[in-house]
Amino acid sequence: MEVPGSSKKMIATQEEMVENKVPLAYRDQCAHLLIPLNKCRQSEFYLPWKCEDERHTYEKCAYELVMERMLQMQKIREEEARMKQKGHQSIPLIPKTANV
């Protein structure tokens, strides 16, 4: 499944995430890595020195998603600055009321 605005694909299906009880906040493009990580954590009784490879892979994926979103936001801000510099008015978030 393609996610708009992202270079990563959704690999885990909605059914897999529900079946593995992945919290809603973690159902992103890295959920397919979180499922085996959580299984490993449960089987190893959450010992911090276990499941290091799975955790590193998941955290790297999450970091890449955050960096991708930051770059997208930076491009949006630069585009808005260019538009403002040219004199184009962007759509205000709060509309101006009469004579206020």
N, C-alpha and C. Protein backbone atom coordinates (compact mmCIF):
# COMPACT_ATOMS: atom_id res chain seq x y z
N MET A 1 0.85 -1.17 0.00
CA MET A 1 0.00 0.00 0.00
C MET A 1 0.89 1.24 0.00
N GLU A 2 0.62 2.18 -0.88
CA GLU A 2 1.36 3.43 -1.00
C GLU A 2 0.82 4.45 0.01
N VAL A 3 1.73 5.15 0.67
CA VAL A 3 1.36 6.21 1.59
C VAL A 3 1.70 7.53 0.92
N PRO A 4 0.72 8.44 0.73
CA PRO A 4 1.01 9.70 0.05
C PRO A 4 2.04 10.53 0.83
N GLY A 5 3.00 11.07 0.11
CA GLY A 5 4.01 11.93 0.71
C GLY A 5 5.15 11.19 1.39
N SER A 6 5.21 9.88 1.23
CA SER A 6 6.27 9.11 1.87
C SER A 6 6.95 8.22 0.85
N SER A 7 8.23 7.98 1.07
CA SER A 7 8.97 7.12 0.15
C SER A 7 8.87 5.65 0.57
N LYS A 8 8.39 5.40 1.79
CA LYS A 8 8.28 4.03 2.28
C LYS A 8 6.86 3.51 2.08
N LYS A 9 6.78 2.21 1.83
CA LYS A 9 5.48 1.57 1.64
C LYS A 9 5.01 0.96 2.95
N MET A 10 3.69 0.84 3.08
CA MET A 10 3.11 0.10 4.20
C MET A 10 3.23 -1.38 3.86
N ILE A 11 3.95 -2.12 4.67
CA ILE A 11 4.13 -3.53 4.42
C ILE A 11 3.15 -4.36 5.26
N ALA A 12 3.01 -3.99 6.53
CA ALA A 12 2.08 -4.69 7.41
C ALA A 12 0.65 -4.28 7.06
N THR A 13 -0.24 -5.26 6.97
CA THR A 13 -1.64 -4.95 6.68
C THR A 13 -2.36 -4.58 7.97
N GLN A 14 -3.53 -3.98 7.80
CA GLN A 14 -4.34 -3.60 8.95
C GLN A 14 -4.68 -4.82 9.80
N GLU A 15 -4.98 -5.94 9.15
CA GLU A 15 -5.34 -7.16 9.86
C GLU A 15 -4.16 -7.67 10.70
N GLU A 16 -2.96 -7.62 10.14
CA GLU A 16 -1.77 -8.05 10.88
C GLU A 16 -1.54 -7.17 12.10
N MET A 17 -1.73 -5.87 11.94
CA MET A 17 -1.50 -4.97 13.06
C MET A 17 -2.55 -5.18 14.16
N VAL A 18 -3.80 -5.43 13.77
CA VAL A 18 -4.84 -5.70 14.76
C VAL A 18 -4.55 -7.03 15.46
N GLU A 19 -4.20 -8.04 14.69
CA GLU A 19 -3.91 -9.37 15.23
C GLU A 19 -2.76 -9.33 16.23
N ASN A 20 -1.75 -8.51 15.96
CA ASN A 20 -0.58 -8.41 16.83
C ASN A 20 -0.69 -7.29 17.86
N LYS A 21 -1.86 -6.67 17.93
CA LYS A 21 -2.16 -5.64 18.93
C LYS A 21 -1.17 -4.48 18.90
N VAL A 22 -0.87 -4.01 17.71
CA VAL A 22 0.00 -2.84 17.56
C VAL A 22 -0.83 -1.61 17.91
N PRO A 23 -0.38 -0.77 18.86
CA PRO A 23 -1.14 0.43 19.21
C PRO A 23 -1.32 1.35 18.01
N LEU A 24 -2.42 2.08 17.99
CA LEU A 24 -2.73 2.96 16.85
C LEU A 24 -1.60 3.94 16.55
N ALA A 25 -0.98 4.46 17.59
CA ALA A 25 0.08 5.46 17.39
C ALA A 25 1.30 4.88 16.67
N TYR A 26 1.45 3.56 16.66
CA TYR A 26 2.61 2.93 16.05
C TYR A 26 2.29 2.25 14.72
N ARG A 27 1.11 2.47 14.19
CA ARG A 27 0.72 1.84 12.92
C ARG A 27 1.16 2.71 11.75
N ASP A 28 2.44 2.74 11.51
CA ASP A 28 2.99 3.52 10.41
C ASP A 28 3.77 2.60 9.49
N GLN A 29 4.63 3.17 8.68
CA GLN A 29 5.39 2.38 7.71
C GLN A 29 6.42 1.47 8.37
N CYS A 30 6.64 1.61 9.67
CA CYS A 30 7.61 0.76 10.37
C CYS A 30 6.92 -0.32 11.20
N ALA A 31 5.62 -0.44 11.11
CA ALA A 31 4.89 -1.42 11.92
C ALA A 31 5.31 -2.84 11.60
N HIS A 32 5.71 -3.10 10.36
CA HIS A 32 6.15 -4.46 10.01
C HIS A 32 7.42 -4.85 10.76
N LEU A 33 8.18 -3.89 11.25
CA LEU A 33 9.36 -4.17 12.05
C LEU A 33 9.04 -4.24 13.54
N LEU A 34 7.99 -3.55 13.94
CA LEU A 34 7.60 -3.54 15.35
C LEU A 34 6.98 -4.87 15.77
N ILE A 35 6.28 -5.53 14.87
CA ILE A 35 5.62 -6.80 15.19
C ILE A 35 6.63 -7.86 15.65
N PRO A 36 7.70 -8.15 14.88
CA PRO A 36 8.67 -9.13 15.37
C PRO A 36 9.44 -8.64 16.59
N LEU A 37 9.64 -7.33 16.71
CA LEU A 37 10.33 -6.78 17.88
C LEU A 37 9.51 -7.05 19.14
N ASN A 38 8.22 -6.79 19.09
CA ASN A 38 7.37 -7.03 20.26
C ASN A 38 7.29 -8.52 20.60
N LYS A 39 7.26 -9.38 19.59
CA LYS A 39 7.26 -10.82 19.85
C LYS A 39 8.56 -11.24 20.53
N CYS A 40 9.66 -10.71 20.05
CA CYS A 40 10.96 -11.01 20.65
C CYS A 40 11.01 -10.50 22.09
N ARG A 41 10.53 -9.29 22.33
CA ARG A 41 10.52 -8.73 23.67
C ARG A 41 9.73 -9.61 24.63
N GLN A 42 8.55 -10.07 24.19
CA GLN A 42 7.73 -10.92 25.06
C GLN A 42 8.41 -12.25 25.33
N SER A 43 9.01 -12.85 24.32
CA SER A 43 9.65 -14.15 24.52
C SER A 43 10.91 -14.04 25.38
N GLU A 44 11.55 -12.88 25.38
CA GLU A 44 12.79 -12.68 26.15
C GLU A 44 12.54 -11.92 27.45
N PHE A 45 11.26 -11.79 27.85
CA PHE A 45 10.88 -11.13 29.11
C PHE A 45 11.40 -9.70 29.21
N TYR A 46 11.43 -8.99 28.08
CA TYR A 46 11.79 -7.57 28.01
C TYR A 46 13.18 -7.27 28.56
N LEU A 47 14.09 -8.23 28.47
CA LEU A 47 15.46 -7.97 28.90
C LEU A 47 16.10 -6.99 27.93
N PRO A 48 16.70 -5.90 28.46
CA PRO A 48 17.19 -4.82 27.58
C PRO A 48 18.32 -5.24 26.65
N TRP A 49 19.09 -6.26 27.00
CA TRP A 49 20.21 -6.66 26.14
C TRP A 49 19.79 -7.69 25.09
N LYS A 50 18.53 -8.06 25.09
CA LYS A 50 18.02 -8.99 24.09
C LYS A 50 17.36 -8.19 22.96
N CYS A 51 17.13 -8.78 21.85
CA CYS A 51 16.41 -8.20 20.70
C CYS A 51 17.05 -6.91 20.19
N GLU A 52 18.36 -6.79 20.32
CA GLU A 52 19.02 -5.55 19.92
C GLU A 52 18.94 -5.32 18.41
N ASP A 53 19.09 -6.36 17.62
CA ASP A 53 19.04 -6.19 16.16
C ASP A 53 17.66 -5.72 15.71
N GLU A 54 16.61 -6.34 16.26
CA GLU A 54 15.25 -5.94 15.89
C GLU A 54 14.97 -4.51 16.32
N ARG A 55 15.41 -4.16 17.53
CA ARG A 55 15.17 -2.81 18.04
C ARG A 55 15.91 -1.77 17.19
N HIS A 56 17.16 -2.07 16.86
CA HIS A 56 17.94 -1.13 16.05
C HIS A 56 17.29 -0.92 14.68
N THR A 57 16.83 -1.99 14.07
CA THR A 57 16.19 -1.90 12.75
C THR A 57 14.93 -1.06 12.83
N TYR A 58 14.12 -1.29 13.86
CA TYR A 58 12.87 -0.52 14.03
C TYR A 58 13.17 0.95 14.29
N GLU A 59 14.11 1.23 15.19
CA GLU A 59 14.43 2.62 15.52
C GLU A 59 15.02 3.37 14.32
N LYS A 60 15.79 2.68 13.50
CA LYS A 60 16.35 3.31 12.29
C LYS A 60 15.23 3.68 11.33
N CYS A 61 14.27 2.79 11.17
CA CYS A 61 13.13 3.05 10.29
C CYS A 61 12.34 4.26 10.81
N ALA A 62 12.09 4.29 12.12
CA ALA A 62 11.33 5.40 12.71
C ALA A 62 12.09 6.72 12.54
N TYR A 63 13.40 6.68 12.72
CA TYR A 63 14.23 7.88 12.55
C TYR A 63 14.15 8.39 11.11
N GLU A 64 14.23 7.47 10.15
CA GLU A 64 14.15 7.88 8.75
C GLU A 64 12.80 8.51 8.42
N LEU A 65 11.73 7.99 9.00
CA LEU A 65 10.41 8.60 8.78
C LEU A 65 10.35 10.01 9.34
N VAL A 66 10.89 10.21 10.53
CA VAL A 66 10.89 11.54 11.14
C VAL A 66 11.71 12.51 10.29
N MET A 67 12.87 12.07 9.84
CA MET A 67 13.71 12.94 9.02
C MET A 67 13.03 13.29 7.70
N GLU A 68 12.32 12.33 7.13
CA GLU A 68 11.60 12.58 5.89
C GLU A 68 10.51 13.63 6.09
N ARG A 69 9.77 13.52 7.21
CA ARG A 69 8.73 14.51 7.50
C ARG A 69 9.32 15.89 7.74
N MET A 70 10.49 15.94 8.42
CA MET A 70 11.14 17.22 8.66
C MET A 70 11.56 17.88 7.36
N LEU A 71 12.09 17.10 6.43
CA LEU A 71 12.50 17.65 5.13
C LEU A 71 11.29 18.15 4.34
N GLN A 72 10.18 17.42 4.41
CA GLN A 72 8.96 17.86 3.73
C GLN A 72 8.47 19.18 4.32
N MET A 73 8.50 19.30 5.65
CA MET A 73 8.05 20.54 6.29
C MET A 73 8.98 21.69 5.94
N GLN A 74 10.27 21.44 5.87
CA GLN A 74 11.23 22.48 5.49
C GLN A 74 10.94 22.98 4.07
N LYS A 75 10.64 22.07 3.15
CA LYS A 75 10.31 22.47 1.79
C LYS A 75 9.04 23.31 1.75
N ILE A 76 8.06 22.94 2.55
CA ILE A 76 6.80 23.71 2.60
C ILE A 76 7.08 25.12 3.12
N ARG A 77 7.89 25.23 4.17
CA ARG A 77 8.21 26.55 4.72
C ARG A 77 8.99 27.40 3.72
N GLU A 78 9.92 26.79 3.01
CA GLU A 78 10.69 27.53 2.01
C GLU A 78 9.78 28.01 0.89
N GLU A 79 8.84 27.18 0.46
CA GLU A 79 7.90 27.56 -0.58
C GLU A 79 7.01 28.71 -0.11
N GLU A 80 6.55 28.65 1.13
CA GLU A 80 5.74 29.74 1.67
C GLU A 80 6.53 31.03 1.75
N ALA A 81 7.81 30.94 2.12
CA ALA A 81 8.66 32.13 2.19
C ALA A 81 8.85 32.73 0.80
N ARG A 82 9.04 31.86 -0.21
CA ARG A 82 9.18 32.34 -1.58
C ARG A 82 7.90 33.03 -2.05
N MET A 83 6.77 32.43 -1.73
CA MET A 83 5.49 33.01 -2.13
C MET A 83 5.27 34.37 -1.46
N LYS A 84 5.65 34.45 -0.20
CA LYS A 84 5.47 35.70 0.54
C LYS A 84 6.41 36.77 -0.02
N GLN A 85 7.61 36.36 -0.41
CA GLN A 85 8.58 37.28 -0.97
C GLN A 85 8.11 37.85 -2.31
N LYS A 86 7.44 37.02 -3.09
CA LYS A 86 6.94 37.46 -4.39
C LYS A 86 5.69 38.32 -4.26
N GLY A 87 5.12 38.35 -3.07
CA GLY A 87 3.93 39.17 -2.88
C GLY A 87 2.63 38.40 -2.95
N HIS A 88 2.71 37.11 -3.14
CA HIS A 88 1.51 36.29 -3.15
C HIS A 88 1.01 36.12 -1.73
N GLN A 89 -0.28 36.21 -1.57
CA GLN A 89 -0.88 36.02 -0.25
C GLN A 89 -1.26 34.56 -0.10
N SER A 90 -0.83 33.96 0.99
CA SER A 90 -1.27 32.60 1.26
C SER A 90 -2.62 32.67 1.95
N ILE A 91 -3.30 31.58 1.99
CA ILE A 91 -4.61 31.54 2.62
C ILE A 91 -4.41 31.63 4.12
N PRO A 92 -5.00 32.64 4.79
CA PRO A 92 -4.81 32.77 6.24
C PRO A 92 -5.54 31.66 6.98
N LEU A 93 -4.95 31.24 8.09
CA LEU A 93 -5.59 30.22 8.90
C LEU A 93 -6.78 30.81 9.67
N ILE A 94 -6.65 32.06 10.07
CA ILE A 94 -7.73 32.75 10.79
C ILE A 94 -8.21 33.88 9.88
N PRO A 95 -9.48 33.82 9.44
CA PRO A 95 -9.95 34.86 8.53
C PRO A 95 -10.07 36.21 9.23
N LYS A 96 -9.79 37.28 8.49
CA LYS A 96 -9.92 38.62 9.04
C LYS A 96 -11.40 39.00 9.04
N THR A 97 -11.82 39.54 10.15
CA THR A 97 -13.21 39.96 10.25
C THR A 97 -13.31 41.42 9.86
N ALA A 98 -14.50 41.92 9.71
CA ALA A 98 -14.73 43.28 9.23
C ALA A 98 -14.17 44.32 10.20
N ASN A 99 -13.27 45.18 9.72
CA ASN A 99 -12.70 46.32 10.44
C ASN A 99 -12.11 45.95 11.80
N VAL A 100 -11.48 44.83 11.89
CA VAL A 100 -10.87 44.47 13.18
C VAL A 100 -9.39 44.38 13.01
